[in-house]
């Protein structure tokens, strides 16, 4: 009986050992071929693991973000970022703020008691340290400073979404300037809010061509940005509107040509100054003549002093 128990125990040990050695192989080959191929592709491509989105809320006061200066917002490349800013400056009711993330070209609308909350969303598609600050003149401006710190390498995963800009121009009622209205949308027709659009003119100086900025504006919730354009010269003006890109949204640009001949902001001096312009040369001539006559009179009197002295020494003209 003991001998049978020992043989049974040995047999069980051999089976267990064999299962332990063969189980990784059988498990691997039991997996479907498609799963094995997917794993091989992911390893070969170095596909990044999905990261949870970053969602944070900050109260904005004259003391800073959540009452302090120098807040650090850590983010990894490829993460979706959703930042909500809430106006909480109850101690200074007329203090407004507008938060800008430099380098990502995202900006909130103006935060006021009437519009106390704004949310901006973007993809952290580039590594580095970026300033988060108020770009509005306000009390405690130097305290409203934070840092967005994006760590990692490369660009964000995922396909890039194309964008397009449509532009309309109109002359204002007084015909002294023009209004540029640009709309930014993605390929699905959805508007892009809080994106910065740059308006420029194409200029040439001494054989060098370049772009002269005439203004920039952020898009509203409908993707619309508006600026007023008051040109300084008559004639055909060529320029464009440019979007630098934002997160997964690609850059976009559109060109324009406008004729400013009809604008009335090119005027000469007001009519009230016409008499001054007409008589200015005569008045200037009289002033110059008066100055020279004064100089001549002074010189004449200086030269007459010696003659007066000789006459006083020889009164009556008699010889001594």
Protein backbone atom coordinates (compact mmCIF):
# COMPACT_ATOMS: atom_id res chain seq x y z
CA UNK A 1 0.00 0.00 0.00
CA UNK A 2 2.74 2.47 0.83
CA UNK A 3 4.49 1.43 -2.39
CA UNK A 4 1.36 2.25 -4.48
CA UNK A 5 0.99 5.60 -2.75
CA UNK A 6 4.58 6.49 -3.56
CA UNK A 7 4.12 5.51 -7.24
CA UNK A 8 0.91 7.60 -7.46
CA UNK A 9 2.64 10.60 -5.89
CA UNK A 10 5.56 10.31 -8.37
CA UNK A 11 3.17 10.13 -11.33
CA UNK A 12 1.31 13.23 -10.16
CA UNK A 13 4.59 15.10 -9.72
CA UNK A 14 5.68 14.23 -13.28
CA UNK A 15 2.35 15.41 -14.71
CA UNK A 16 2.49 18.66 -12.75
CA UNK A 17 6.05 19.33 -13.90
CA UNK A 18 5.16 18.68 -17.52
CA UNK A 19 2.16 21.02 -17.31
CA UNK A 20 4.31 23.76 -15.83
CA UNK A 21 6.86 23.51 -18.64
CA UNK A 22 4.37 23.21 -21.50
CA UNK A 23 1.67 25.65 -20.35
CA UNK A 24 3.34 28.89 -21.68
CA UNK A 25 3.77 27.30 -25.08
CA UNK A 26 0.28 25.89 -25.27
CA UNK A 27 -1.19 29.17 -24.01
CA UNK A 28 0.70 31.24 -26.56
CA UNK A 29 -0.27 29.07 -29.49
CA UNK A 30 -3.82 28.84 -28.27
CA UNK A 31 -4.24 32.57 -28.77
CA UNK A 32 -5.88 33.55 -32.07
CA UNK A 33 -3.52 34.40 -34.90
CA UNK A 34 -5.02 37.89 -35.27
CA UNK A 35 -4.24 38.71 -31.63
CA UNK A 36 -0.64 37.58 -32.06
CA UNK A 37 -0.28 39.74 -35.20
CA UNK A 38 -1.76 42.79 -33.42
CA UNK A 39 0.64 42.40 -30.54
CA UNK A 40 3.58 42.12 -32.94
CA UNK A 41 2.47 45.30 -34.80
CA UNK A 42 2.08 47.28 -31.54
CA UNK A 43 5.51 46.25 -30.33
CA UNK A 44 7.10 47.04 -33.70
CA UNK A 45 5.41 50.43 -33.98
CA UNK A 46 5.99 51.38 -30.37
CA UNK A 47 2.34 52.41 -29.98
CA UNK A 48 1.86 54.58 -26.89
CA UNK A 49 -0.54 53.49 -24.20
CA UNK A 50 -3.65 55.62 -23.91
CA UNK A 51 -3.48 58.15 -21.05
CA UNK A 52 -6.41 59.36 -19.04
CA UNK A 53 -7.47 62.93 -19.85
CA UNK A 54 -6.45 65.75 -17.54
CA UNK A 55 -9.43 67.70 -16.22
CA UNK A 56 -8.78 70.53 -13.75
CA UNK A 57 -10.70 73.54 -12.46
CA UNK A 58 -9.09 76.75 -11.23
CA UNK A 59 -10.62 79.69 -9.41
CA UNK A 60 -9.09 82.93 -10.69
CA UNK A 61 -8.59 85.89 -8.33
CA UNK A 62 -6.11 88.73 -7.98
CA UNK A 63 -4.07 86.35 -5.78
CA UNK A 64 -3.59 83.83 -8.60
CA UNK A 65 -4.96 80.43 -9.59
CA UNK A 66 -6.74 78.91 -6.59
CA UNK A 67 -5.29 81.73 -4.53
CA UNK A 68 -1.63 81.20 -5.32
CA UNK A 69 1.05 82.02 -7.86
CA UNK A 70 3.27 79.53 -9.67
CA UNK A 71 0.90 76.55 -9.97
CA UNK A 72 2.37 73.69 -12.03
CA UNK A 73 0.06 71.63 -14.27
CA UNK A 74 1.82 68.32 -15.15
CA UNK A 75 0.73 66.70 -18.42
CA UNK A 76 2.11 63.98 -20.68
CA UNK A 77 2.44 64.24 -24.43
CA UNK A 78 -0.68 62.89 -26.10
CA UNK A 79 -3.07 63.57 -23.24
CA UNK A 80 -6.35 65.39 -23.72
CA UNK A 81 -6.40 68.48 -21.51
CA UNK A 82 -9.55 70.16 -20.23
CA UNK A 83 -9.01 73.25 -18.08
CA UNK A 84 -11.89 75.17 -16.56
CA UNK A 85 -11.34 78.67 -15.19
CA UNK A 86 -13.86 80.25 -12.83
CA UNK A 87 -13.98 83.96 -11.98
CA UNK A 88 -13.88 84.25 -8.16
CA UNK A 89 -12.62 87.81 -7.61
CA UNK A 90 -15.41 88.78 -5.23
CA UNK A 91 -13.08 91.10 -3.32
CA UNK A 92 -12.52 93.10 -6.52
CA UNK A 93 -15.87 92.93 -8.38
CA UNK A 94 -14.74 94.90 -11.45
CA UNK A 95 -11.58 92.82 -11.97
CA UNK A 96 -11.76 90.87 -15.25
CA UNK A 97 -9.40 88.16 -16.50
CA UNK A 98 -8.61 86.36 -19.76
CA UNK A 99 -6.38 83.29 -19.54
CA UNK A 100 -3.87 82.48 -22.29
CA UNK A 101 -1.69 79.38 -22.69
CA UNK A 102 1.32 80.64 -24.61
CA UNK A 103 2.73 78.20 -27.14
CA UNK A 104 -0.59 76.41 -27.58
CA UNK A 105 -2.52 79.45 -28.83
CA UNK A 106 -5.53 78.78 -26.63
CA UNK A 107 -7.28 81.54 -24.73
CA UNK A 108 -10.48 81.89 -22.76
CA UNK A 109 -13.05 84.60 -23.36
CA UNK A 110 -13.11 87.42 -20.83
CA UNK A 111 -14.02 86.19 -17.35
CA UNK A 112 -16.36 88.59 -15.55
CA UNK A 113 -19.16 88.35 -12.96
CA UNK A 114 -21.57 88.14 -15.90
CA UNK A 115 -19.47 85.48 -17.68
CA UNK A 116 -17.78 83.72 -14.77
CA UNK A 117 -16.68 80.42 -16.30
CA UNK A 118 -14.85 79.21 -19.41
CA UNK A 119 -13.39 75.87 -20.44
CA UNK A 120 -10.62 75.24 -22.94
CA UNK A 121 -9.75 71.82 -24.35
CA UNK A 122 -6.75 70.76 -26.40
CA UNK A 123 -4.32 67.92 -26.95
CA UNK A 124 -0.86 68.26 -25.41
CA UNK A 125 0.92 67.56 -28.69
CA UNK A 126 4.31 69.10 -27.90
CA UNK A 127 6.62 68.73 -24.94
CA UNK A 128 7.98 71.66 -22.99
CA UNK A 129 7.10 74.26 -20.41
CA UNK A 130 4.38 76.74 -21.33
CA UNK A 131 3.20 79.82 -19.48
CA UNK A 132 -0.41 80.03 -18.35
CA UNK A 133 -1.26 83.63 -17.51
CA UNK A 134 -3.81 86.42 -17.70
CA UNK A 135 -3.32 88.60 -20.77
CA UNK A 136 -5.81 91.24 -19.62
CA UNK A 137 -4.92 94.36 -17.65
CA UNK A 138 -6.15 93.57 -14.18
CA UNK A 139 -5.34 93.98 -10.53
CA UNK A 140 -2.94 91.31 -9.33
CA UNK A 141 -1.84 90.65 -12.91
CA UNK A 142 1.63 89.54 -11.80
CA UNK A 143 0.13 86.85 -9.53
CA UNK A 144 -2.00 85.13 -12.17
CA UNK A 145 0.83 82.94 -13.39
CA UNK A 146 1.05 79.15 -13.77
CA UNK A 147 3.02 76.64 -15.81
CA UNK A 148 1.83 73.85 -18.10
CA UNK A 149 4.60 71.24 -18.03
CA UNK A 150 4.29 68.67 -20.84
CA UNK A 151 6.68 65.74 -20.57
CA UNK A 152 7.42 63.07 -23.15
CA UNK A 153 8.71 62.87 -26.68
CA UNK A 154 7.15 63.10 -30.12
CA UNK A 155 3.73 64.27 -31.19
CA UNK A 156 0.39 63.18 -29.87
CA UNK A 157 -1.00 59.94 -31.16
CA UNK A 158 -4.02 59.96 -33.40
CA UNK A 159 -4.93 61.38 -36.75
CA UNK A 160 -4.65 65.11 -37.44
CA UNK A 161 -7.91 66.90 -38.19
CA UNK A 162 -7.81 69.34 -41.10
CA UNK A 163 -9.23 72.83 -40.72
CA UNK A 164 -10.40 75.55 -43.10
CA UNK A 165 -10.90 79.33 -42.88
CA UNK A 166 -13.61 81.28 -44.66
CA UNK A 167 -13.33 85.07 -44.82
CA UNK A 168 -15.84 87.85 -45.45
CA UNK A 169 -15.07 91.57 -45.77
CA UNK A 170 -17.39 94.54 -45.39
CA UNK A 171 -17.05 98.32 -45.32
CA UNK A 172 -18.38 100.04 -42.23
CA UNK A 173 -21.14 102.65 -42.38
CA UNK A 174 -18.76 105.62 -42.43
CA UNK A 175 -16.59 104.00 -45.12
CA UNK A 176 -13.47 104.68 -43.07
CA UNK A 177 -12.42 101.08 -42.42
CA UNK A 178 -13.22 97.49 -43.30
CA UNK A 179 -14.39 94.58 -41.17
CA UNK A 180 -12.74 91.18 -41.61
CA UNK A 181 -14.86 88.25 -40.39
CA UNK A 182 -13.08 84.88 -40.44
CA UNK A 183 -14.68 81.55 -39.52
CA UNK A 184 -12.58 78.52 -38.54
CA UNK A 185 -14.07 75.03 -38.89
CA UNK A 186 -12.83 71.48 -39.13
CA UNK A 187 -13.53 69.12 -42.01
CA UNK A 188 -16.83 68.05 -40.42
CA UNK A 189 -18.00 71.66 -40.34
CA UNK A 190 -17.73 71.98 -36.56
CA UNK A 191 -16.51 75.40 -35.33
CA UNK A 192 -13.26 75.73 -33.40
CA UNK A 193 -13.54 78.03 -30.39
CA UNK A 194 -10.76 79.88 -28.55
CA UNK A 195 -8.34 79.61 -31.47
CA UNK A 196 -6.12 82.56 -32.37
CA UNK A 197 -6.28 83.82 -35.97
CA UNK A 198 -3.58 86.12 -37.33
CA UNK A 199 -4.46 88.69 -40.02
CA UNK A 200 -1.61 90.08 -42.12
CA UNK A 201 -0.72 92.06 -45.24
CA UNK A 202 1.90 91.09 -47.79
CA UNK A 203 4.50 93.85 -48.00
CA UNK A 204 7.67 94.44 -49.99
CA UNK A 205 10.52 96.71 -48.88
CA UNK A 206 13.81 97.15 -50.73
CA UNK A 207 13.24 93.94 -52.65
CA UNK A 208 12.37 91.88 -49.56
CA UNK A 209 8.90 90.40 -49.21
CA UNK A 210 7.28 89.73 -45.86
CA UNK A 211 4.10 89.72 -43.83
CA UNK A 212 3.01 92.69 -41.74
CA UNK A 213 0.54 91.83 -38.99
CA UNK A 214 -2.57 93.99 -38.92
CA UNK A 215 -4.25 92.25 -36.00
CA UNK A 216 -5.19 89.02 -34.28
CA UNK A 217 -8.38 87.76 -32.66
CA UNK A 218 -9.68 84.68 -30.90
CA UNK A 219 -12.61 82.74 -32.27
CA UNK A 220 -15.85 82.63 -30.31
CA UNK A 221 -18.04 79.57 -29.69
CA UNK A 222 -19.13 79.70 -33.34
CA UNK A 223 -15.54 79.74 -34.59
CA UNK A 224 -15.78 83.40 -35.65
CA UNK A 225 -13.06 86.05 -35.22
CA UNK A 226 -13.52 89.71 -36.21
CA UNK A 227 -11.10 92.64 -36.59
CA UNK A 228 -11.33 96.18 -38.00
CA UNK A 229 -8.88 97.10 -40.77
CA UNK A 230 -8.03 100.77 -41.39
CA UNK A 231 -5.42 100.80 -44.21
CA UNK A 232 -2.83 103.53 -44.50
CA UNK A 233 -2.55 103.50 -48.29
CA UNK A 234 -4.93 103.47 -51.23
CA UNK A 235 -5.17 100.71 -53.78
CA UNK A 236 -5.19 96.93 -53.91
CA UNK A 237 -4.18 95.23 -50.64
CA UNK A 238 -3.09 91.59 -50.54
CA UNK A 239 -2.89 89.54 -47.39
CA UNK A 240 -4.16 86.51 -45.55
CA UNK A 241 -5.52 84.93 -42.40
CA UNK A 242 -3.49 82.19 -40.70
CA UNK A 243 -4.27 79.60 -38.02
CA UNK A 244 -1.10 78.10 -36.50
CA UNK A 245 -2.76 74.86 -35.44
CA UNK A 246 -4.01 73.64 -32.08
CA UNK A 247 -3.67 70.17 -30.61
CA UNK A 248 -4.95 67.64 -33.11
CA UNK A 249 -6.17 70.40 -35.42
CA UNK A 250 -3.86 71.20 -38.31
CA UNK A 251 -2.88 74.70 -39.38
CA UNK A 252 -4.84 76.54 -42.05
CA UNK A 253 -4.50 79.70 -44.12
CA UNK A 254 -6.52 81.67 -46.64
CA UNK A 255 -5.53 84.62 -48.85
CA UNK A 256 -7.49 87.77 -49.66
CA UNK A 257 -7.38 90.82 -51.92
CA UNK A 258 -9.24 94.04 -51.07
CA UNK A 259 -9.39 97.42 -52.80
CA UNK A 260 -9.25 100.40 -50.44
CA UNK A 261 -9.83 103.15 -53.03
CA UNK A 262 -13.37 103.75 -51.79
CA UNK A 263 -12.40 104.34 -48.15
CA UNK A 264 -12.59 107.93 -46.88
CA UNK A 265 -10.02 107.78 -44.12
CA UNK A 266 -7.43 109.33 -46.44
CA UNK A 267 -8.09 113.09 -45.90
CA UNK A 268 -6.08 116.28 -46.13
CA UNK A 269 -5.93 118.88 -43.37
CA UNK A 270 -9.32 120.13 -42.15
CA UNK A 271 -10.79 123.14 -43.93
CA UNK A 272 -10.31 125.27 -40.83
CA UNK A 273 -6.55 125.12 -41.36
CA UNK A 274 -6.60 126.18 -45.02
CA UNK A 275 -6.00 129.95 -44.22
CA UNK A 276 -3.02 128.98 -42.11
CA UNK A 277 -1.61 126.85 -44.91
CA UNK A 278 -2.11 129.75 -47.38
CA UNK A 279 -0.55 132.54 -45.29
CA UNK A 280 2.16 130.48 -43.64
CA UNK A 281 4.86 131.32 -46.27
CA UNK A 282 4.12 135.09 -46.02
CA UNK A 283 4.26 135.03 -42.23
CA UNK A 284 7.49 133.09 -42.32
CA UNK A 285 9.05 135.63 -44.75
CA UNK A 286 8.04 138.54 -42.52
CA UNK A 287 9.52 136.85 -39.47
CA UNK A 288 12.83 136.28 -41.28
CA UNK A 289 12.95 139.92 -42.48
CA UNK A 290 12.17 141.15 -38.97
CA UNK A 291 14.99 139.09 -37.51
CA UNK A 292 17.50 140.44 -40.02
CA UNK A 293 16.34 144.06 -39.45
CA UNK A 294 16.79 143.58 -35.73
CA UNK A 295 20.29 142.21 -36.22
CA UNK A 296 21.16 145.12 -38.54
CA UNK A 297 19.87 147.70 -36.06
CA UNK A 298 21.96 146.18 -33.26
CA UNK A 299 25.09 146.10 -35.44
CA UNK A 300 24.54 149.71 -36.57
CA UNK A 301 24.33 150.93 -32.98
CA UNK A 302 27.43 149.01 -31.98
CA UNK A 303 29.43 150.62 -34.81
CA UNK A 304 28.08 154.10 -33.92
CA UNK A 305 29.52 154.00 -30.37
CA UNK A 306 33.17 154.86 -31.38
CA UNK A 307 32.01 157.81 -33.48
CA UNK A 308 30.07 159.15 -30.52
CA UNK A 309 33.16 158.95 -28.31
CA UNK A 310 35.33 160.89 -30.78
CA UNK A 311 32.72 163.64 -31.02
CA UNK A 312 32.64 164.05 -27.24
CA UNK A 313 36.42 164.47 -27.09
CA UNK A 314 36.43 167.19 -29.80
CA UNK A 315 33.37 169.37 -29.22
CA UNK A 316 32.60 171.87 -31.93
CA UNK A 317 35.12 170.25 -34.24
CA UNK A 318 37.98 172.61 -33.11
CA UNK A 319 41.59 171.53 -33.39
CA UNK A 320 43.49 171.37 -30.12
